[in-house]
Amino acid sequence: MRYIRYAFLGALAVVLIAVALANRAPVTLQLLPTDMAALTGLSWSIELPLFLVIFAAILAGLLIGFVWEWLREHKHRAQVARKEGEVRQLKREVKKLKTSEKAGEKDDVLALLD
């Protein structure tokens, strides 16, 4: 299984390197479109290789997806925590009943027969 994982990671690295080499051309990223930047006075821009823009977009999408899913599953995690608390409480009650039964408390039917 470990070798399969290493083979997959190696193939993924080769694909990512190929994408990076094919997209080395610089692109200019601007905060706002040119007309809006002239209107507001915010003309921030940066020049980066295209593969960095692609990889950053993929990474941002993954992070947003992970956070979104974590928030969506909150109600399920809370329900599991409540159920685990109930299970712990019921286990304590069962243990208490078993120890009290062993301590000498007799069954009512058996007590009537004695």
C-alpha atoms as a PDB file:
ATOM      1  CA  MET A   1       0.000   0.000   0.000  1.00  0.00           C
ATOM      2  CA  ARG A   2       2.878   2.310   0.797  1.00  0.00           C
ATOM      3  CA  TYR A   3       4.371   1.789  -2.656  1.00  0.00           C
ATOM      4  CA  ILE A   4       1.073   2.600  -4.330  1.00  0.00           C
ATOM      5  CA  ARG A   5       0.925   5.852  -2.383  1.00  0.00           C
ATOM      6  CA  TYR A   6       4.498   6.731  -3.377  1.00  0.00           C
ATOM      7  CA  ALA A   7       3.758   5.912  -7.017  1.00  0.00           C
ATOM      8  CA  PHE A   8       0.653   8.112  -6.947  1.00  0.00           C
ATOM      9  CA  LEU A   9       2.525  11.006  -5.322  1.00  0.00           C
ATOM     10  CA  GLY A  10       5.346  10.642  -7.852  1.00  0.00           C
ATOM     11  CA  ALA A  11       2.901  10.700 -10.775  1.00  0.00           C
ATOM     12  CA  LEU A  12       1.152  13.723  -9.273  1.00  0.00           C
ATOM     13  CA  ALA A  13       4.498  15.509  -8.901  1.00  0.00           C
ATOM     14  CA  VAL A  14       5.350  14.806 -12.550  1.00  0.00           C
ATOM     15  CA  VAL A  15       1.970  16.179 -13.680  1.00  0.00           C
ATOM     16  CA  LEU A  16       2.337  19.313 -11.540  1.00  0.00           C
ATOM     17  CA  ILE A  17       5.856  19.929 -12.829  1.00  0.00           C
ATOM     18  CA  ALA A  18       4.646  19.491 -16.419  1.00  0.00           C
ATOM     19  CA  VAL A  19       1.831  22.004 -15.821  1.00  0.00           C
ATOM     20  CA  ALA A  20       4.292  24.437 -14.258  1.00  0.00           C
ATOM     21  CA  LEU A  21       6.734  24.142 -17.158  1.00  0.00           C
ATOM     22  CA  ALA A  22       3.972  24.582 -19.728  1.00  0.00           C
ATOM     23  CA  ASN A  23       2.603  27.710 -18.004  1.00  0.00           C
ATOM     24  CA  ARG A  24       5.681  29.770 -17.150  1.00  0.00           C
ATOM     25  CA  ALA A  25       4.536  32.909 -18.957  1.00  0.00           C
ATOM     26  CA  PRO A  26       4.018  35.886 -16.647  1.00  0.00           C
ATOM     27  CA  VAL A  27       0.509  37.268 -16.199  1.00  0.00           C
ATOM     28  CA  THR A  28      -0.587  40.468 -14.504  1.00  0.00           C
ATOM     29  CA  LEU A  29      -3.141  40.183 -11.731  1.00  0.00           C
ATOM     30  CA  GLN A  30      -5.057  43.357 -10.929  1.00  0.00           C
ATOM     31  CA  LEU A  31      -7.183  44.051  -7.885  1.00  0.00           C
ATOM     32  CA  LEU A  32      -9.861  45.845  -9.926  1.00  0.00           C
ATOM     33  CA  PRO A  33     -10.612  46.238 -13.632  1.00  0.00           C
ATOM     34  CA  THR A  34      -8.730  49.138 -15.254  1.00  0.00           C
ATOM     35  CA  ASP A  35     -11.712  51.516 -15.499  1.00  0.00           C
ATOM     36  CA  MET A  36     -12.808  50.867 -11.920  1.00  0.00           C
ATOM     37  CA  ALA A  37      -9.230  51.229 -10.664  1.00  0.00           C
ATOM     38  CA  ALA A  38      -9.000  54.640 -12.332  1.00  0.00           C
ATOM     39  CA  LEU A  39     -12.285  55.649 -10.715  1.00  0.00           C
ATOM     40  CA  THR A  40     -11.404  54.500  -7.185  1.00  0.00           C
ATOM     41  CA  GLY A  41      -7.672  55.106  -7.257  1.00  0.00           C
ATOM     42  CA  LEU A  42      -6.891  51.504  -6.252  1.00  0.00           C
ATOM     43  CA  SER A  43      -4.637  50.240  -8.995  1.00  0.00           C
ATOM     44  CA  TRP A  44      -2.861  47.385  -7.233  1.00  0.00           C
ATOM     45  CA  SER A  45      -1.384  44.792  -9.592  1.00  0.00           C
ATOM     46  CA  ILE A  46       1.249  42.074  -9.490  1.00  0.00           C
ATOM     47  CA  GLU A  47       2.970  40.006 -12.150  1.00  0.00           C
ATOM     48  CA  LEU A  48       3.260  36.258 -11.505  1.00  0.00           C
ATOM     49  CA  PRO A  49       3.898  33.127 -13.552  1.00  0.00           C
ATOM     50  CA  LEU A  50       0.636  31.559 -14.702  1.00  0.00           C
ATOM     51  CA  PHE A  51       1.304  28.235 -12.945  1.00  0.00           C
ATOM     52  CA  LEU A  52       1.457  30.034  -9.575  1.00  0.00           C
ATOM     53  CA  VAL A  53      -1.928  31.583 -10.262  1.00  0.00           C
ATOM     54  CA  ILE A  54      -3.344  28.174 -11.216  1.00  0.00           C
ATOM     55  CA  PHE A  55      -1.900  26.416  -8.159  1.00  0.00           C
ATOM     56  CA  ALA A  56      -3.014  29.236  -5.832  1.00  0.00           C
ATOM     57  CA  ALA A  57      -6.555  29.023  -7.219  1.00  0.00           C
ATOM     58  CA  ILE A  58      -6.629  25.254  -6.705  1.00  0.00           C
ATOM     59  CA  LEU A  59      -5.305  25.624  -3.157  1.00  0.00           C
ATOM     60  CA  ALA A  60      -7.819  28.370  -2.341  1.00  0.00           C
ATOM     61  CA  GLY A  61     -10.647  26.201  -3.679  1.00  0.00           C
ATOM     62  CA  LEU A  62      -9.532  23.260  -1.570  1.00  0.00           C
ATOM     63  CA  LEU A  63      -9.293  25.368   1.580  1.00  0.00           C
ATOM     64  CA  ILE A  64     -12.711  26.928   1.008  1.00  0.00           C
ATOM     65  CA  GLY A  65     -14.180  23.467   0.394  1.00  0.00           C
ATOM     66  CA  PHE A  66     -12.617  22.010   3.546  1.00  0.00           C
ATOM     67  CA  VAL A  67     -13.863  24.874   5.715  1.00  0.00           C
ATOM     68  CA  TRP A  68     -17.325  24.761   4.136  1.00  0.00           C
ATOM     69  CA  GLU A  69     -17.606  21.003   4.743  1.00  0.00           C
ATOM     70  CA  TRP A  70     -16.319  21.325   8.324  1.00  0.00           C
ATOM     71  CA  LEU A  71     -18.978  23.942   9.046  1.00  0.00           C
ATOM     72  CA  ARG A  72     -21.672  21.852   7.343  1.00  0.00           C
ATOM     73  CA  GLU A  73     -20.839  18.785   9.447  1.00  0.00           C
ATOM     74  CA  HIS A  74     -20.965  20.682  12.747  1.00  0.00           C
ATOM     75  CA  LYS A  75     -24.509  19.549  13.547  1.00  0.00           C
ATOM     76  CA  HIS A  76     -23.528  15.923  12.959  1.00  0.00           C
ATOM     77  CA  ARG A  77     -20.468  16.178  15.208  1.00  0.00           C
ATOM     78  CA  ALA A  78     -22.578  17.816  17.936  1.00  0.00           C
ATOM     79  CA  GLN A  79     -25.175  15.048  17.692  1.00  0.00           C
ATOM     80  CA  VAL A  80     -22.471  12.379  17.959  1.00  0.00           C
ATOM     81  CA  ALA A  81     -21.048  14.094  21.047  1.00  0.00           C
ATOM     82  CA  ARG A  82     -24.505  14.113  22.676  1.00  0.00           C
ATOM     83  CA  LYS A  83     -25.045  10.440  21.857  1.00  0.00           C
ATOM     84  CA  GLU A  84     -21.624   9.524  23.243  1.00  0.00           C
ATOM     85  CA  GLY A  85     -22.549  11.303  26.482  1.00  0.00           C
ATOM     86  CA  GLU A  86     -25.780   9.312  26.671  1.00  0.00           C
ATOM     87  CA  VAL A  87     -23.887   6.063  26.066  1.00  0.00           C
ATOM     88  CA  ARG A  88     -21.407   6.882  28.848  1.00  0.00           C
ATOM     89  CA  GLN A  89     -24.263   7.655  31.229  1.00  0.00           C
ATOM     90  CA  LEU A  90     -26.077   4.423  30.366  1.00  0.00           C
ATOM     91  CA  LYS A  91     -22.884   2.408  30.829  1.00  0.00           C
ATOM     92  CA  ARG A  92     -22.450   3.939  34.288  1.00  0.00           C
ATOM     93  CA  GLU A  93     -26.037   3.021  35.159  1.00  0.00           C
ATOM     94  CA  VAL A  94     -25.561  -0.569  33.958  1.00  0.00           C
ATOM     95  CA  LYS A  95     -22.350  -0.876  35.945  1.00  0.00           C
ATOM     96  CA  LYS A  96     -24.065   0.530  39.027  1.00  0.00           C
ATOM     97  CA  LEU A  97     -26.950  -1.923  38.668  1.00  0.00           C
ATOM     98  CA  LYS A  98     -24.578  -4.859  38.207  1.00  0.00           C
ATOM     99  CA  THR A  99     -22.534  -3.944  41.288  1.00  0.00           C
ATOM    100  CA  SER A 100     -25.641  -3.421  43.409  1.00  0.00           C
ATOM    101  CA  GLU A 101     -26.956  -6.802  42.254  1.00  0.00           C
ATOM    102  CA  LYS A 102     -23.686  -8.476  43.229  1.00  0.00           C
ATOM    103  CA  ALA A 103     -23.571  -6.688  46.581  1.00  0.00           C
ATOM    104  CA  GLY A 104     -26.292  -8.858  47.995  1.00  0.00           C
ATOM    105  CA  GLU A 105     -29.528  -7.361  46.867  1.00  0.00           C
ATOM    106  CA  LYS A 106     -31.808 -10.236  46.072  1.00  0.00           C
ATOM    107  CA  ASP A 107     -34.429 -10.464  43.430  1.00  0.00           C
ATOM    108  CA  ASP A 108     -37.950  -9.768  44.714  1.00  0.00           C
ATOM    109  CA  VAL A 109     -39.232 -13.145  43.540  1.00  0.00           C
ATOM    110  CA  LEU A 110     -36.409 -14.976  45.280  1.00  0.00           C
ATOM    111  CA  ALA A 111     -36.977 -12.927  48.422  1.00  0.00           C
ATOM    112  CA  LEU A 112     -40.628 -14.030  48.490  1.00  0.00           C
ATOM    113  CA  LEU A 113     -39.613 -17.677  48.182  1.00  0.00           C
ATOM    114  CA  ASP A 114     -37.267 -17.433  51.162  1.00  0.00           C
END
